[in-house]
Amino acid sequence: MAHPHLPTASLTPFTNLQSSTTQAYLLYTITPPSNLITLTSISSPKTEDYQTFLSELPDNECRYGIYNFGNPESQSESKEGEVSTTIVFIIWLPDGANVMERELFLEYSSVMLAGFEGLKDAVRVEASEKGVLQEEGVRRRVGL
């Protein structure tokens, strides 16, 4: 089995997401056989919301999701006057996915955490059902 790899091209959208109050989410997958962690979806600025994010999670395939609760209702100001956002790292492991794929995504989540500067501080949510990821519950979990 190939070792997981996170290409630089997958990192740039995350850097943009961290500093954005308009970009909502990113979705990643693991591409066999090279086991590259690749970007599969990026939200359109100001037009896609949490429900759109949930609708993009496939019923039979795993994904990594990074969601930025950076809308005006959820922003807070830091001591320096900068707007801070809440980033949530979601490991989507649907029951309909292959068992080996689910295990691979769990194992490689450490590559995501190590590769994305700032993701280590994100709230981590593992889910196999979309009901667990309903916006109100996730917001409560992250203190919003």
Protein backbone atom coordinates (compact mmCIF):
# COMPACT_ATOMS: atom_id res chain seq x y z
CA MET A 1 0.00 0.00 0.00
CA ALA A 2 1.29 3.47 -0.90
CA HIS A 3 1.91 5.98 1.85
CA PRO A 4 -0.52 8.90 2.08
CA HIS A 5 0.54 12.09 0.37
CA LEU A 6 -0.86 15.59 0.58
CA PRO A 7 0.09 17.61 -2.52
CA THR A 8 0.82 21.31 -2.15
CA ALA A 9 -2.08 22.06 -4.49
CA SER A 10 -4.41 20.67 -1.83
CA LEU A 11 -3.01 23.00 0.83
CA THR A 12 -3.56 26.37 -0.88
CA PRO A 13 -7.38 26.26 -0.77
CA PHE A 14 -7.21 25.56 2.97
CA THR A 15 -4.98 28.59 3.55
CA ASN A 16 -7.52 30.68 1.64
CA LEU A 17 -10.40 29.19 3.63
CA GLN A 18 -8.76 30.06 6.96
CA SER A 19 -8.57 33.74 6.14
CA SER A 20 -11.92 33.98 4.39
CA THR A 21 -15.29 34.95 5.72
CA THR A 22 -16.89 34.12 2.37
CA GLN A 23 -15.53 30.63 1.62
CA ALA A 24 -17.50 28.01 3.53
CA TYR A 25 -16.01 24.57 2.94
CA LEU A 26 -13.62 22.16 1.25
CA LEU A 27 -14.06 18.43 0.59
CA TYR A 28 -11.18 16.00 0.10
CA THR A 29 -10.88 12.34 -0.84
CA ILE A 30 -8.09 9.76 -1.01
CA THR A 31 -7.30 8.82 -4.60
CA PRO A 32 -6.13 5.22 -5.08
CA PRO A 33 -3.70 3.65 -5.87
CA SER A 34 -1.29 6.50 -5.08
CA ASN A 35 -3.23 7.50 -1.93
CA LEU A 36 -3.06 11.19 -2.78
CA ILE A 37 -5.34 13.32 -0.64
CA THR A 38 -7.05 15.45 -3.27
CA LEU A 39 -9.52 18.30 -3.27
CA THR A 40 -12.90 17.26 -4.68
CA SER A 41 -15.05 20.29 -3.93
CA ILE A 42 -14.72 23.90 -2.87
CA SER A 43 -17.69 26.10 -2.06
CA SER A 44 -18.51 29.10 -4.18
CA PRO A 45 -18.00 32.35 -2.30
CA LYS A 46 -21.09 33.64 -0.49
CA THR A 47 -23.47 31.29 -2.32
CA GLU A 48 -23.24 27.94 -0.60
CA ASP A 49 -24.27 27.16 2.95
CA TYR A 50 -24.04 24.29 5.41
CA GLN A 51 -26.95 22.41 3.80
CA THR A 52 -25.12 22.49 0.46
CA PHE A 53 -22.05 21.10 2.23
CA LEU A 54 -24.10 18.21 3.66
CA SER A 55 -25.66 17.48 0.28
CA GLU A 56 -22.18 17.04 -1.24
CA LEU A 57 -21.28 14.23 1.17
CA PRO A 58 -21.81 10.98 -0.79
CA ASP A 59 -23.79 8.15 0.78
CA ASN A 60 -21.27 5.46 -0.20
CA GLU A 61 -17.88 7.18 -0.14
CA CYS A 62 -15.76 8.67 2.62
CA ARG A 63 -14.62 12.30 2.61
CA TYR A 64 -12.70 14.78 4.69
CA GLY A 65 -14.62 18.00 5.13
CA ILE A 66 -13.29 21.28 6.41
CA TYR A 67 -16.04 23.76 7.25
CA ASN A 68 -15.46 27.40 8.14
CA PHE A 69 -18.19 28.86 10.31
CA GLY A 70 -16.96 32.29 9.25
CA ASN A 71 -20.22 34.03 8.57
CA PRO A 72 -20.96 37.30 10.37
CA GLU A 73 -23.17 35.63 12.98
CA SER A 74 -20.36 33.34 14.14
CA GLN A 75 -17.33 35.63 13.98
CA SER A 76 -15.57 36.89 17.05
CA GLU A 77 -12.84 39.47 17.37
CA SER A 78 -9.47 38.55 18.78
CA LYS A 79 -7.46 40.84 21.04
CA GLU A 80 -5.65 42.25 18.00
CA GLY A 81 -8.97 43.18 16.40
CA GLU A 82 -8.73 40.45 13.76
CA VAL A 83 -11.82 38.45 12.94
CA SER A 84 -11.46 34.82 13.96
CA THR A 85 -13.45 31.94 12.55
CA THR A 86 -14.26 28.48 13.76
CA ILE A 87 -12.90 25.68 11.58
CA VAL A 88 -14.41 22.19 11.89
CA PHE A 89 -12.61 19.09 10.56
CA ILE A 90 -15.15 16.44 9.59
CA ILE A 91 -14.26 12.83 8.86
CA TRP A 92 -17.21 11.47 6.87
CA LEU A 93 -17.38 7.67 7.13
CA PRO A 94 -20.83 6.67 5.84
CA ASP A 95 -22.17 3.24 6.68
CA GLY A 96 -22.55 2.58 2.94
CA ALA A 97 -18.79 2.94 2.32
CA ASN A 98 -16.43 -0.01 2.00
CA VAL A 99 -14.94 -1.05 5.36
CA MET A 100 -11.38 -0.79 4.00
CA GLU A 101 -12.06 2.76 2.78
CA ARG A 102 -13.43 3.75 6.19
CA GLU A 103 -10.30 2.38 7.90
CA LEU A 104 -8.05 4.15 5.39
CA PHE A 105 -9.73 7.50 6.02
CA LEU A 106 -9.41 7.10 9.78
CA GLU A 107 -5.75 6.14 9.47
CA TYR A 108 -4.89 9.01 7.11
CA SER A 109 -6.67 11.66 9.15
CA SER A 110 -3.35 12.20 10.96
CA VAL A 111 -1.81 13.21 7.60
CA MET A 112 -4.52 15.84 7.22
CA LEU A 113 -3.95 17.15 10.73
CA ALA A 114 -0.18 17.29 10.25
CA GLY A 115 -0.31 18.76 6.75
CA PHE A 116 -2.72 21.62 7.28
CA GLU A 117 -1.32 24.40 9.46
CA GLY A 118 -4.06 25.35 11.91
CA LEU A 119 -6.18 22.24 11.46
CA LYS A 120 -4.77 20.69 14.65
CA ASP A 121 -6.72 23.31 16.61
CA ALA A 122 -9.95 22.62 14.74
CA VAL A 123 -12.83 20.77 16.33
CA ARG A 124 -12.83 17.22 14.96
CA VAL A 125 -16.10 15.46 14.19
CA GLU A 126 -16.39 11.86 12.95
CA ALA A 127 -19.74 10.88 11.49
CA SER A 128 -21.34 8.00 9.62
CA GLU A 129 -24.83 9.54 9.41
CA LYS A 130 -25.79 13.01 8.22
CA GLY A 131 -28.07 13.37 11.23
CA VAL A 132 -24.96 13.65 13.43
CA LEU A 133 -23.80 16.55 11.26
CA GLN A 134 -26.90 18.72 11.45
CA GLU A 135 -25.79 22.35 11.65
CA GLU A 136 -27.36 23.18 15.01
CA GLY A 137 -25.67 20.22 16.71
CA VAL A 138 -22.26 20.95 15.17
CA ARG A 139 -22.53 24.64 16.13
CA ARG A 140 -23.38 23.64 19.70
CA ARG A 141 -20.42 21.26 19.78
CA VAL A 142 -17.99 24.01 18.76
CA GLY A 143 -19.52 26.57 21.10
CA LEU A 144 -21.33 28.78 18.58
